[in-house]
């Protein structure tokens, strides 16, 4: 009877070998993901709330994965101690004054520990060091803040709705401004006036700059040696002469003023009737009497001339006049 040979042991051996290879590859892959075969050291941080952080979650520094969460345990009263395995290659970049906070991988991803900050002047972090912790904003806090913002937005929307309703109904100053054409025209005129006023201000500013420029030119001329203006300002002799001239002019003006004052007094006296000249100039009766007296004197003078002429022809006095004429 012949023995039948089978290949079952070889097949089983091949499958066992392939299974071992797959197992080794899986172990090394998971170990690489979990940083199992990477040299690392432990760093601690104490949080008040880790927000669901678990062992095996990632640790990030400057956006780069530098370790994993090794252990999460309670610490003291109501606090949580988080122990992290940090790669030694990244230790030189993490300093003792760096801070740690709880974050998330994306908006709703797994919780992670984020290490940030630190100054170059501080020594690098060492094994079993404790990092300073900053409270991170949790998802619940963000939802509460978002809810409060939604309430505020709703109140603002209702207020804006009420305002627009009043405007549409024509009540209020804004509605009047929007609906009243005459008021709108007045506002346009006012704006045009404001523009014109602004243009005037600009022109006045330009004139002021021109005046300032002229003053600067004038002061420069005052400071130019040899010019009349500079001599007037700096030469004491010229200044003293001008002051003497000004004093004499003032004295002459005072004399002229006194003369005019006297002339005014004389003129006022001539207009009054309590003196002879004023009576003659202002009293019509006296003036008429004076005219009559002058006329009487003229008539008397004429008659006297006639009497003298008659006396010259008188025979009694004719000889006397002849002798007087010879003399």
C-alpha atoms as a PDB file:
ATOM      1  CA  UNK A   1       0.000   0.000   0.000  1.00  0.00           C
ATOM      2  CA  UNK A   2       1.463   3.366  -0.985  1.00  0.00           C
ATOM      3  CA  UNK A   3       1.750   6.284   1.505  1.00  0.00           C
ATOM      4  CA  UNK A   4       0.042   9.505   0.323  1.00  0.00           C
ATOM      5  CA  UNK A   5       2.165  12.657   0.807  1.00  0.00           C
ATOM      6  CA  UNK A   6       0.409  15.954   1.509  1.00  0.00           C
ATOM      7  CA  UNK A   7       1.627  19.651   1.558  1.00  0.00           C
ATOM      8  CA  UNK A   8      -0.481  20.692   4.545  1.00  0.00           C
ATOM      9  CA  UNK A   9       2.442  21.241   6.935  1.00  0.00           C
ATOM     10  CA  UNK A  10       4.193  23.500   4.435  1.00  0.00           C
ATOM     11  CA  UNK A  11       1.057  25.496   3.847  1.00  0.00           C
ATOM     12  CA  UNK A  12       0.465  25.866   7.567  1.00  0.00           C
ATOM     13  CA  UNK A  13       4.065  26.922   8.044  1.00  0.00           C
ATOM     14  CA  UNK A  14       3.759  29.566   5.341  1.00  0.00           C
ATOM     15  CA  UNK A  15       0.593  30.978   6.890  1.00  0.00           C
ATOM     16  CA  UNK A  16       2.181  30.983  10.356  1.00  0.00           C
ATOM     17  CA  UNK A  17       5.232  32.806   8.995  1.00  0.00           C
ATOM     18  CA  UNK A  18       3.074  35.389   7.242  1.00  0.00           C
ATOM     19  CA  UNK A  19       1.073  35.872  10.430  1.00  0.00           C
ATOM     20  CA  UNK A  20       4.252  36.467  12.412  1.00  0.00           C
ATOM     21  CA  UNK A  21       5.483  38.986   9.839  1.00  0.00           C
ATOM     22  CA  UNK A  22       2.155  40.851   9.965  1.00  0.00           C
ATOM     23  CA  UNK A  23       2.231  40.803  13.765  1.00  0.00           C
ATOM     24  CA  UNK A  24       5.764  42.227  13.864  1.00  0.00           C
ATOM     25  CA  UNK A  25       4.864  44.929  11.335  1.00  0.00           C
ATOM     26  CA  UNK A  26       1.743  45.847  13.348  1.00  0.00           C
ATOM     27  CA  UNK A  27       3.718  45.977  16.560  1.00  0.00           C
ATOM     28  CA  UNK A  28       6.341  48.253  15.046  1.00  0.00           C
ATOM     29  CA  UNK A  29       3.672  50.448  13.381  1.00  0.00           C
ATOM     30  CA  UNK A  30       1.692  50.871  16.580  1.00  0.00           C
ATOM     31  CA  UNK A  31       4.890  51.379  18.534  1.00  0.00           C
ATOM     32  CA  UNK A  32       5.977  54.076  16.105  1.00  0.00           C
ATOM     33  CA  UNK A  33       2.598  55.798  16.419  1.00  0.00           C
ATOM     34  CA  UNK A  34       2.690  55.589  20.188  1.00  0.00           C
ATOM     35  CA  UNK A  35       6.384  56.557  20.315  1.00  0.00           C
ATOM     36  CA  UNK A  36       7.122  53.255  22.047  1.00  0.00           C
ATOM     37  CA  UNK A  37      10.596  52.811  20.617  1.00  0.00           C
ATOM     38  CA  UNK A  38      11.560  56.525  20.772  1.00  0.00           C
ATOM     39  CA  UNK A  39      13.718  57.799  23.625  1.00  0.00           C
ATOM     40  CA  UNK A  40      11.584  60.000  25.840  1.00  0.00           C
ATOM     41  CA  UNK A  41      11.318  61.308  29.391  1.00  0.00           C
ATOM     42  CA  UNK A  42       8.407  62.219  31.630  1.00  0.00           C
ATOM     43  CA  UNK A  43       7.119  65.779  32.111  1.00  0.00           C
ATOM     44  CA  UNK A  44       4.177  66.623  34.358  1.00  0.00           C
ATOM     45  CA  UNK A  45       1.378  69.196  34.410  1.00  0.00           C
ATOM     46  CA  UNK A  46      -1.445  69.651  36.939  1.00  0.00           C
ATOM     47  CA  UNK A  47      -4.838  70.729  35.530  1.00  0.00           C
ATOM     48  CA  UNK A  48      -8.093  71.638  37.222  1.00  0.00           C
ATOM     49  CA  UNK A  49     -10.048  70.059  34.351  1.00  0.00           C
ATOM     50  CA  UNK A  50      -8.671  67.926  31.519  1.00  0.00           C
ATOM     51  CA  UNK A  51     -11.954  67.891  29.554  1.00  0.00           C
ATOM     52  CA  UNK A  52     -11.861  64.173  28.686  1.00  0.00           C
ATOM     53  CA  UNK A  53      -8.114  63.838  28.031  1.00  0.00           C
ATOM     54  CA  UNK A  54      -7.072  60.157  27.951  1.00  0.00           C
ATOM     55  CA  UNK A  55      -3.866  58.168  28.050  1.00  0.00           C
ATOM     56  CA  UNK A  56      -2.312  57.873  24.625  1.00  0.00           C
ATOM     57  CA  UNK A  57      -3.509  61.284  23.395  1.00  0.00           C
ATOM     58  CA  UNK A  58      -0.948  63.391  21.599  1.00  0.00           C
ATOM     59  CA  UNK A  59       1.238  66.182  22.947  1.00  0.00           C
ATOM     60  CA  UNK A  60       1.947  69.073  20.554  1.00  0.00           C
ATOM     61  CA  UNK A  61       4.547  71.826  20.566  1.00  0.00           C
ATOM     62  CA  UNK A  62       4.505  74.563  17.911  1.00  0.00           C
ATOM     63  CA  UNK A  63       2.196  72.395  15.779  1.00  0.00           C
ATOM     64  CA  UNK A  64       4.540  69.381  15.939  1.00  0.00           C
ATOM     65  CA  UNK A  65       3.813  66.129  17.772  1.00  0.00           C
ATOM     66  CA  UNK A  66       6.513  65.751  20.460  1.00  0.00           C
ATOM     67  CA  UNK A  67       5.048  63.047  22.712  1.00  0.00           C
ATOM     68  CA  UNK A  68       2.022  61.289  24.141  1.00  0.00           C
ATOM     69  CA  UNK A  69       0.032  61.337  27.356  1.00  0.00           C
ATOM     70  CA  UNK A  70       1.435  58.537  29.512  1.00  0.00           C
ATOM     71  CA  UNK A  71      -0.840  58.753  32.531  1.00  0.00           C
ATOM     72  CA  UNK A  72      -3.841  60.713  33.790  1.00  0.00           C
ATOM     73  CA  UNK A  73      -4.437  60.556  37.564  1.00  0.00           C
ATOM     74  CA  UNK A  74      -5.995  62.564  40.365  1.00  0.00           C
ATOM     75  CA  UNK A  75      -3.748  64.968  42.217  1.00  0.00           C
ATOM     76  CA  UNK A  76      -4.423  66.710  45.555  1.00  0.00           C
ATOM     77  CA  UNK A  77      -7.981  68.088  45.824  1.00  0.00           C
ATOM     78  CA  UNK A  78     -10.065  68.139  42.628  1.00  0.00           C
ATOM     79  CA  UNK A  79      -6.981  68.375  40.393  1.00  0.00           C
ATOM     80  CA  UNK A  80      -5.647  66.055  37.720  1.00  0.00           C
ATOM     81  CA  UNK A  81      -2.004  65.108  37.192  1.00  0.00           C
ATOM     82  CA  UNK A  82      -1.073  64.541  33.549  1.00  0.00           C
ATOM     83  CA  UNK A  83       2.226  62.763  32.911  1.00  0.00           C
ATOM     84  CA  UNK A  84       3.568  63.132  29.376  1.00  0.00           C
ATOM     85  CA  UNK A  85       6.345  61.310  27.547  1.00  0.00           C
ATOM     86  CA  UNK A  86       8.337  63.966  25.674  1.00  0.00           C
ATOM     87  CA  UNK A  87      10.850  63.027  22.985  1.00  0.00           C
ATOM     88  CA  UNK A  88      14.423  63.842  23.922  1.00  0.00           C
ATOM     89  CA  UNK A  89      15.009  65.304  20.468  1.00  0.00           C
ATOM     90  CA  UNK A  90      12.355  67.959  21.195  1.00  0.00           C
ATOM     91  CA  UNK A  91      13.489  68.647  24.770  1.00  0.00           C
ATOM     92  CA  UNK A  92      16.068  71.229  23.669  1.00  0.00           C
ATOM     93  CA  UNK A  93      13.258  73.410  22.245  1.00  0.00           C
ATOM     94  CA  UNK A  94      10.941  73.212  25.276  1.00  0.00           C
ATOM     95  CA  UNK A  95      12.034  75.447  28.162  1.00  0.00           C
ATOM     96  CA  UNK A  96      11.160  75.355  31.828  1.00  0.00           C
ATOM     97  CA  UNK A  97       8.958  78.474  31.620  1.00  0.00           C
ATOM     98  CA  UNK A  98       6.822  76.960  28.831  1.00  0.00           C
ATOM     99  CA  UNK A  99       3.102  76.583  29.466  1.00  0.00           C
ATOM    100  CA  UNK A 100       0.654  73.750  28.843  1.00  0.00           C
ATOM    101  CA  UNK A 101      -3.055  73.781  28.071  1.00  0.00           C
ATOM    102  CA  UNK A 102      -5.752  71.357  26.963  1.00  0.00           C
ATOM    103  CA  UNK A 103      -6.804  71.635  23.347  1.00  0.00           C
ATOM    104  CA  UNK A 104      -8.554  69.523  20.747  1.00  0.00           C
ATOM    105  CA  UNK A 105      -7.444  67.984  17.479  1.00  0.00           C
ATOM    106  CA  UNK A 106      -9.828  69.931  15.292  1.00  0.00           C
ATOM    107  CA  UNK A 107     -13.215  71.310  16.304  1.00  0.00           C
ATOM    108  CA  UNK A 108     -14.595  68.060  17.767  1.00  0.00           C
ATOM    109  CA  UNK A 109     -11.466  65.840  17.649  1.00  0.00           C
ATOM    110  CA  UNK A 110      -9.610  64.081  20.434  1.00  0.00           C
ATOM    111  CA  UNK A 111      -8.244  66.100  23.323  1.00  0.00           C
ATOM    112  CA  UNK A 112      -4.544  66.944  23.179  1.00  0.00           C
ATOM    113  CA  UNK A 113      -1.994  68.710  25.356  1.00  0.00           C
ATOM    114  CA  UNK A 114      -0.531  71.844  23.767  1.00  0.00           C
ATOM    115  CA  UNK A 115       2.841  73.139  24.996  1.00  0.00           C
ATOM    116  CA  UNK A 116       3.708  76.691  23.998  1.00  0.00           C
ATOM    117  CA  UNK A 117       5.775  79.702  24.958  1.00  0.00           C
ATOM    118  CA  UNK A 118       9.042  79.745  26.853  1.00  0.00           C
ATOM    119  CA  UNK A 119      12.077  82.011  26.544  1.00  0.00           C
ATOM    120  CA  UNK A 120      15.453  81.094  25.119  1.00  0.00           C
ATOM    121  CA  UNK A 121      17.172  82.492  28.222  1.00  0.00           C
ATOM    122  CA  UNK A 122      15.557  79.748  30.354  1.00  0.00           C
ATOM    123  CA  UNK A 123      17.053  76.269  30.582  1.00  0.00           C
ATOM    124  CA  UNK A 124      15.426  73.389  28.661  1.00  0.00           C
ATOM    125  CA  UNK A 125      12.855  71.240  30.427  1.00  0.00           C
ATOM    126  CA  UNK A 126      14.212  68.240  32.346  1.00  0.00           C
ATOM    127  CA  UNK A 127      12.844  64.890  33.515  1.00  0.00           C
ATOM    128  CA  UNK A 128       9.923  65.044  35.979  1.00  0.00           C
ATOM    129  CA  UNK A 129       9.590  68.863  35.631  1.00  0.00           C
ATOM    130  CA  UNK A 130       6.196  70.494  36.132  1.00  0.00           C
ATOM    131  CA  UNK A 131       4.984  72.894  33.454  1.00  0.00           C
ATOM    132  CA  UNK A 132       2.863  75.954  34.197  1.00  0.00           C
ATOM    133  CA  UNK A 133      -0.771  75.362  33.276  1.00  0.00           C
ATOM    134  CA  UNK A 134      -3.163  77.777  31.602  1.00  0.00           C
ATOM    135  CA  UNK A 135      -6.876  77.125  31.683  1.00  0.00           C
ATOM    136  CA  UNK A 136      -8.108  76.438  28.186  1.00  0.00           C
ATOM    137  CA  UNK A 137     -11.515  77.359  26.876  1.00  0.00           C
ATOM    138  CA  UNK A 138     -13.568  74.183  26.839  1.00  0.00           C
ATOM    139  CA  UNK A 139     -16.239  73.258  24.346  1.00  0.00           C
ATOM    140  CA  UNK A 140     -18.894  73.843  26.998  1.00  0.00           C
ATOM    141  CA  UNK A 141     -17.521  77.343  27.631  1.00  0.00           C
ATOM    142  CA  UNK A 142     -17.571  78.053  23.915  1.00  0.00           C
ATOM    143  CA  UNK A 143     -21.154  76.815  23.675  1.00  0.00           C
ATOM    144  CA  UNK A 144     -22.171  79.000  26.638  1.00  0.00           C
ATOM    145  CA  UNK A 145     -20.460  82.017  25.064  1.00  0.00           C
ATOM    146  CA  UNK A 146     -22.092  81.222  21.716  1.00  0.00           C
ATOM    147  CA  UNK A 147     -25.499  80.960  23.381  1.00  0.00           C
ATOM    148  CA  UNK A 148     -25.008  84.321  25.114  1.00  0.00           C
ATOM    149  CA  UNK A 149     -23.938  85.838  21.792  1.00  0.00           C
ATOM    150  CA  UNK A 150     -27.034  84.400  20.142  1.00  0.00           C
ATOM    151  CA  UNK A 151     -29.233  86.011  22.800  1.00  0.00           C
ATOM    152  CA  UNK A 152     -27.492  89.353  22.304  1.00  0.00           C
ATOM    153  CA  UNK A 153     -27.847  89.008  18.543  1.00  0.00           C
ATOM    154  CA  UNK A 154     -31.547  88.257  18.958  1.00  0.00           C
ATOM    155  CA  UNK A 155     -32.014  91.378  21.116  1.00  0.00           C
ATOM    156  CA  UNK A 156     -30.116  93.475  18.573  1.00  0.00           C
ATOM    157  CA  UNK A 157     -32.253  92.037  15.770  1.00  0.00           C
ATOM    158  CA  UNK A 158     -35.469  92.811  17.646  1.00  0.00           C
ATOM    159  CA  UNK A 159     -34.275  96.349  18.380  1.00  0.00           C
ATOM    160  CA  UNK A 160     -33.325  96.876  14.749  1.00  0.00           C
ATOM    161  CA  UNK A 161     -36.698  95.480  13.696  1.00  0.00           C
ATOM    162  CA  UNK A 162     -38.469  97.936  16.014  1.00  0.00           C
ATOM    163  CA  UNK A 163     -36.391 100.825  14.666  1.00  0.00           C
ATOM    164  CA  UNK A 164     -37.116  99.919  11.029  1.00  0.00           C
ATOM    165  CA  UNK A 165     -40.820  99.604  11.860  1.00  0.00           C
ATOM    166  CA  UNK A 166     -40.840 103.108  13.340  1.00  0.00           C
ATOM    167  CA  UNK A 167     -38.996 104.438  10.303  1.00  0.00           C
ATOM    168  CA  UNK A 168     -41.491 102.787   7.949  1.00  0.00           C
ATOM    169  CA  UNK A 169     -44.395 104.216   9.936  1.00  0.00           C
ATOM    170  CA  UNK A 170     -42.929 107.739   9.624  1.00  0.00           C
ATOM    171  CA  UNK A 171     -42.312 108.392  13.321  1.00  0.00           C
ATOM    172  CA  UNK A 172     -39.077 109.795  14.650  1.00  0.00           C
ATOM    173  CA  UNK A 173     -36.435 112.171  13.385  1.00  0.00           C
ATOM    174  CA  UNK A 174     -34.808 109.619  11.062  1.00  0.00           C
ATOM    175  CA  UNK A 175     -38.132 108.813   9.415  1.00  0.00           C
ATOM    176  CA  UNK A 176     -38.817 112.521   8.982  1.00  0.00           C
ATOM    177  CA  UNK A 177     -35.386 112.975   7.469  1.00  0.00           C
ATOM    178  CA  UNK A 178     -35.926 110.111   5.041  1.00  0.00           C
ATOM    179  CA  UNK A 179     -39.489 110.943   4.047  1.00  0.00           C
ATOM    180  CA  UNK A 180     -39.597 114.777   4.139  1.00  0.00           C
ATOM    181  CA  UNK A 181     -38.296 116.079   0.802  1.00  0.00           C
ATOM    182  CA  UNK A 182     -38.074 119.684   2.025  1.00  0.00           C
ATOM    183  CA  UNK A 183     -35.984 118.645   5.019  1.00  0.00           C
ATOM    184  CA  UNK A 184     -33.760 116.637   2.718  1.00  0.00           C
ATOM    185  CA  UNK A 185     -33.293 119.694   0.507  1.00  0.00           C
ATOM    186  CA  UNK A 186     -32.461 121.802   3.547  1.00  0.00           C
ATOM    187  CA  UNK A 187     -29.918 119.210   4.584  1.00  0.00           C
ATOM    188  CA  UNK A 188     -28.380 119.343   1.122  1.00  0.00           C
ATOM    189  CA  UNK A 189     -28.199 123.133   1.330  1.00  0.00           C
ATOM    190  CA  UNK A 190     -26.618 122.853   4.755  1.00  0.00           C
ATOM    191  CA  UNK A 191     -24.039 120.411   3.425  1.00  0.00           C
ATOM    192  CA  UNK A 192     -23.284 122.771   0.539  1.00  0.00           C
ATOM    193  CA  UNK A 193     -22.864 125.615   3.025  1.00  0.00           C
ATOM    194  CA  UNK A 194     -20.552 123.456   5.094  1.00  0.00           C
ATOM    195  CA  UNK A 195     -18.511 122.688   2.002  1.00  0.00           C
ATOM    196  CA  UNK A 196     -18.346 126.388   1.176  1.00  0.00           C
ATOM    197  CA  UNK A 197     -17.329 127.149   4.759  1.00  0.00           C
ATOM    198  CA  UNK A 198     -14.636 124.495   4.530  1.00  0.00           C
ATOM    199  CA  UNK A 199     -13.389 126.060   1.311  1.00  0.00           C
ATOM    200  CA  UNK A 200     -13.310 129.455   3.028  1.00  0.00           C
ATOM    201  CA  UNK A 201     -11.359 127.956   5.900  1.00  0.00           C
ATOM    202  CA  UNK A 202      -8.899 126.500   3.422  1.00  0.00           C
ATOM    203  CA  UNK A 203      -8.551 129.891   1.725  1.00  0.00           C
ATOM    204  CA  UNK A 204      -8.070 131.564   5.116  1.00  0.00           C
ATOM    205  CA  UNK A 205      -5.458 128.970   5.983  1.00  0.00           C
ATOM    206  CA  UNK A 206      -3.686 129.677   2.696  1.00  0.00           C
ATOM    207  CA  UNK A 207      -3.802 133.422   3.401  1.00  0.00           C
ATOM    208  CA  UNK A 208      -2.452 132.786   6.885  1.00  0.00           C
ATOM    209  CA  UNK A 209       0.420 130.838   5.403  1.00  0.00           C
ATOM    210  CA  UNK A 210       1.070 133.713   2.990  1.00  0.00           C
ATOM    211  CA  UNK A 211       1.014 136.208   5.872  1.00  0.00           C
ATOM    212  CA  UNK A 212       3.415 134.052   7.846  1.00  0.00           C
ATOM    213  CA  UNK A 213       5.681 133.808   4.813  1.00  0.00           C
ATOM    214  CA  UNK A 214       5.572 137.612   4.424  1.00  0.00           C
ATOM    215  CA  UNK A 215       6.369 138.044   8.117  1.00  0.00           C
ATOM    216  CA  UNK A 216       9.302 135.678   7.754  1.00  0.00           C
ATOM    217  CA  UNK A 217      10.550 137.673   4.758  1.00  0.00           C
ATOM    218  CA  UNK A 218      10.109 140.925   6.695  1.00  0.00           C
ATOM    219  CA  UNK A 219      11.980 139.593   9.721  1.00  0.00           C
ATOM    220  CA  UNK A 220      14.738 138.359   7.415  1.00  0.00           C
ATOM    221  CA  UNK A 221      15.027 141.894   6.002  1.00  0.00           C
ATOM    222  CA  UNK A 222      15.097 143.275   9.527  1.00  0.00           C
ATOM    223  CA  UNK A 223      18.048 141.022  10.236  1.00  0.00           C
ATOM    224  CA  UNK A 224      19.877 142.087   7.056  1.00  0.00           C
ATOM    225  CA  UNK A 225      22.773 144.415   8.041  1.00  0.00           C
ATOM    226  CA  UNK A 226      22.930 147.795   6.273  1.00  0.00           C
ATOM    227  CA  UNK A 227      19.215 148.074   5.506  1.00  0.00           C
ATOM    228  CA  UNK A 228      17.076 150.936   6.833  1.00  0.00           C
ATOM    229  CA  UNK A 229      14.793 148.571   8.740  1.00  0.00           C
ATOM    230  CA  UNK A 230      17.781 146.894  10.395  1.00  0.00           C
ATOM    231  CA  UNK A 231      19.221 150.296  11.361  1.00  0.00           C
ATOM    232  CA  UNK A 232      15.854 151.354  12.778  1.00  0.00           C
ATOM    233  CA  UNK A 233      15.754 148.226  14.881  1.00  0.00           C
ATOM    234  CA  UNK A 234      19.406 147.904  15.910  1.00  0.00           C
ATOM    235  CA  UNK A 235      20.960 151.420  15.672  1.00  0.00           C
ATOM    236  CA  UNK A 236      20.316 153.288  18.941  1.00  0.00           C
ATOM    237  CA  UNK A 237      21.307 156.671  17.425  1.00  0.00           C
ATOM    238  CA  UNK A 238      18.691 156.447  14.693  1.00  0.00           C
ATOM    239  CA  UNK A 239      16.169 155.290  17.262  1.00  0.00           C
ATOM    240  CA  UNK A 240      16.960 158.218  19.576  1.00  0.00           C
ATOM    241  CA  UNK A 241      16.613 160.686  16.660  1.00  0.00           C
ATOM    242  CA  UNK A 242      13.288 159.181  15.715  1.00  0.00           C
ATOM    243  CA  UNK A 243      12.157 159.395  19.321  1.00  0.00           C
ATOM    244  CA  UNK A 244      13.187 163.091  19.516  1.00  0.00           C
ATOM    245  CA  UNK A 245      11.368 163.793  16.259  1.00  0.00           C
ATOM    246  CA  UNK A 246       8.295 162.008  17.577  1.00  0.00           C
ATOM    247  CA  UNK A 247       8.451 164.101  20.780  1.00  0.00           C
ATOM    248  CA  UNK A 248       8.673 167.364  18.774  1.00  0.00           C
ATOM    249  CA  UNK A 249       5.829 166.271  16.554  1.00  0.00           C
ATOM    250  CA  UNK A 250       3.792 165.569  19.657  1.00  0.00           C
ATOM    251  CA  UNK A 251       4.611 169.045  21.062  1.00  0.00           C
ATOM    252  CA  UNK A 252       3.628 170.658  17.725  1.00  0.00           C
ATOM    253  CA  UNK A 253       0.421 168.666  17.714  1.00  0.00           C
ATOM    254  CA  UNK A 254      -0.305 169.794  21.304  1.00  0.00           C
ATOM    255  CA  UNK A 255       0.331 173.452  20.290  1.00  0.00           C
ATOM    256  CA  UNK A 256      -1.924 173.121  17.254  1.00  0.00           C
ATOM    257  CA  UNK A 257      -4.567 171.528  19.425  1.00  0.00           C
ATOM    258  CA  UNK A 258      -4.334 174.401  21.930  1.00  0.00           C
ATOM    259  CA  UNK A 259      -4.570 176.952  19.092  1.00  0.00           C
ATOM    260  CA  UNK A 260      -7.628 175.212  17.712  1.00  0.00           C
ATOM    261  CA  UNK A 261      -9.098 175.142  21.197  1.00  0.00           C
ATOM    262  CA  UNK A 262      -8.546 178.913  21.559  1.00  0.00           C
ATOM    263  CA  UNK A 263     -10.014 179.490  18.112  1.00  0.00           C
ATOM    264  CA  UNK A 264     -13.027 177.451  19.131  1.00  0.00           C
ATOM    265  CA  UNK A 265     -13.403 179.582  22.272  1.00  0.00           C
ATOM    266  CA  UNK A 266     -13.225 182.788  20.206  1.00  0.00           C
ATOM    267  CA  UNK A 267     -15.752 181.397  17.784  1.00  0.00           C
ATOM    268  CA  UNK A 268     -18.079 180.521  20.653  1.00  0.00           C
ATOM    269  CA  UNK A 269     -17.666 184.049  22.087  1.00  0.00           C
ATOM    270  CA  UNK A 270     -18.501 185.556  18.701  1.00  0.00           C
ATOM    271  CA  UNK A 271     -21.718 183.584  18.713  1.00  0.00           C
ATOM    272  CA  UNK A 272     -22.702 184.908  22.137  1.00  0.00           C
ATOM    273  CA  UNK A 273     -24.435 188.288  22.883  1.00  0.00           C
ATOM    274  CA  UNK A 274     -22.700 189.115  26.127  1.00  0.00           C
ATOM    275  CA  UNK A 275     -19.825 190.978  24.421  1.00  0.00           C
ATOM    276  CA  UNK A 276     -19.557 193.896  21.983  1.00  0.00           C
ATOM    277  CA  UNK A 277     -18.397 191.881  18.972  1.00  0.00           C
ATOM    278  CA  UNK A 278     -20.995 189.198  19.623  1.00  0.00           C
ATOM    279  CA  UNK A 279     -23.726 191.841  19.917  1.00  0.00           C
ATOM    280  CA  UNK A 280     -22.612 193.447  16.667  1.00  0.00           C
ATOM    281  CA  UNK A 281     -22.480 190.118  14.863  1.00  0.00           C
ATOM    282  CA  UNK A 282     -25.604 188.518  16.307  1.00  0.00           C
ATOM    283  CA  UNK A 283     -28.023 191.340  17.379  1.00  0.00           C
ATOM    284  CA  UNK A 284     -29.969 192.554  14.312  1.00  0.00           C
ATOM    285  CA  UNK A 285     -31.303 195.627  16.131  1.00  0.00           C
ATOM    286  CA  UNK A 286     -27.827 196.776  17.039  1.00  0.00           C
ATOM    287  CA  UNK A 287     -26.654 196.058  13.526  1.00  0.00           C
ATOM    288  CA  UNK A 288     -29.506 198.141  12.114  1.00  0.00           C
ATOM    289  CA  UNK A 289     -28.793 200.966  14.550  1.00  0.00           C
ATOM    290  CA  UNK A 290     -25.120 200.829  13.621  1.00  0.00           C
ATOM    291  CA  UNK A 291     -26.045 201.075   9.956  1.00  0.00           C
ATOM    292  CA  UNK A 292     -28.225 204.094  10.668  1.00  0.00           C
ATOM    293  CA  UNK A 293     -25.433 205.723  12.642  1.00  0.00           C
ATOM    294  CA  UNK A 294     -22.998 205.153   9.780  1.00  0.00           C
ATOM    295  CA  UNK A 295     -25.498 206.627   7.331  1.00  0.00           C
ATOM    296  CA  UNK A 296     -26.011 209.625   9.659  1.00  0.00           C
ATOM    297  CA  UNK A 297     -22.262 210.114   9.865  1.00  0.00           C
ATOM    298  CA  UNK A 298     -22.006 209.986   6.101  1.00  0.00           C
ATOM    299  CA  UNK A 299     -24.756 212.612   5.767  1.00  0.00           C
ATOM    300  CA  UNK A 300     -23.139 214.774   8.443  1.00  0.00           C
ATOM    301  CA  UNK A 301     -19.810 214.493   6.643  1.00  0.00           C
ATOM    302  CA  UNK A 302     -21.394 215.535   3.371  1.00  0.00           C
ATOM    303  CA  UNK A 303     -23.092 218.508   5.050  1.00  0.00           C
ATOM    304  CA  UNK A 304     -19.848 219.449   6.757  1.00  0.00           C
ATOM    305  CA  UNK A 305     -18.079 219.412   3.402  1.00  0.00           C
ATOM    306  CA  UNK A 306     -20.795 221.602   1.959  1.00  0.00           C
ATOM    307  CA  UNK A 307     -20.515 224.024   4.913  1.00  0.00           C
ATOM    308  CA  UNK A 308     -16.759 224.220   4.498  1.00  0.00           C
ATOM    309  CA  UNK A 309     -17.164 224.848   0.807  1.00  0.00           C
ATOM    310  CA  UNK A 310     -19.628 227.614   1.534  1.00  0.00           C
ATOM    311  CA  UNK A 311     -17.327 229.090   4.165  1.00  0.00           C
ATOM    312  CA  UNK A 312     -14.510 229.266   1.608  1.00  0.00           C
ATOM    313  CA  UNK A 313     -16.652 231.400  -0.631  1.00  0.00           C
ATOM    314  CA  UNK A 314     -17.814 233.643   2.211  1.00  0.00           C
ATOM    315  CA  UNK A 315     -16.297 237.133   1.926  1.00  0.00           C
ATOM    316  CA  UNK A 316     -15.563 237.263   5.582  1.00  0.00           C
ATOM    317  CA  UNK A 317     -13.496 234.087   5.533  1.00  0.00           C
ATOM    318  CA  UNK A 318     -12.288 234.207   1.978  1.00  0.00           C
ATOM    319  CA  UNK A 319      -9.117 236.057   2.893  1.00  0.00           C
ATOM    320  CA  UNK A 320      -8.258 233.544   5.576  1.00  0.00           C
ATOM    321  CA  UNK A 321      -8.512 230.610   3.239  1.00  0.00           C
ATOM    322  CA  UNK A 322      -6.372 232.356   0.670  1.00  0.00           C
ATOM    323  CA  UNK A 323      -3.630 232.986   3.201  1.00  0.00           C
ATOM    324  CA  UNK A 324      -3.884 229.347   4.356  1.00  0.00           C
ATOM    325  CA  UNK A 325      -3.658 228.145   0.762  1.00  0.00           C
ATOM    326  CA  UNK A 326      -0.486 230.281   0.202  1.00  0.00           C
ATOM    327  CA  UNK A 327       1.103 228.863   3.292  1.00  0.00           C
END
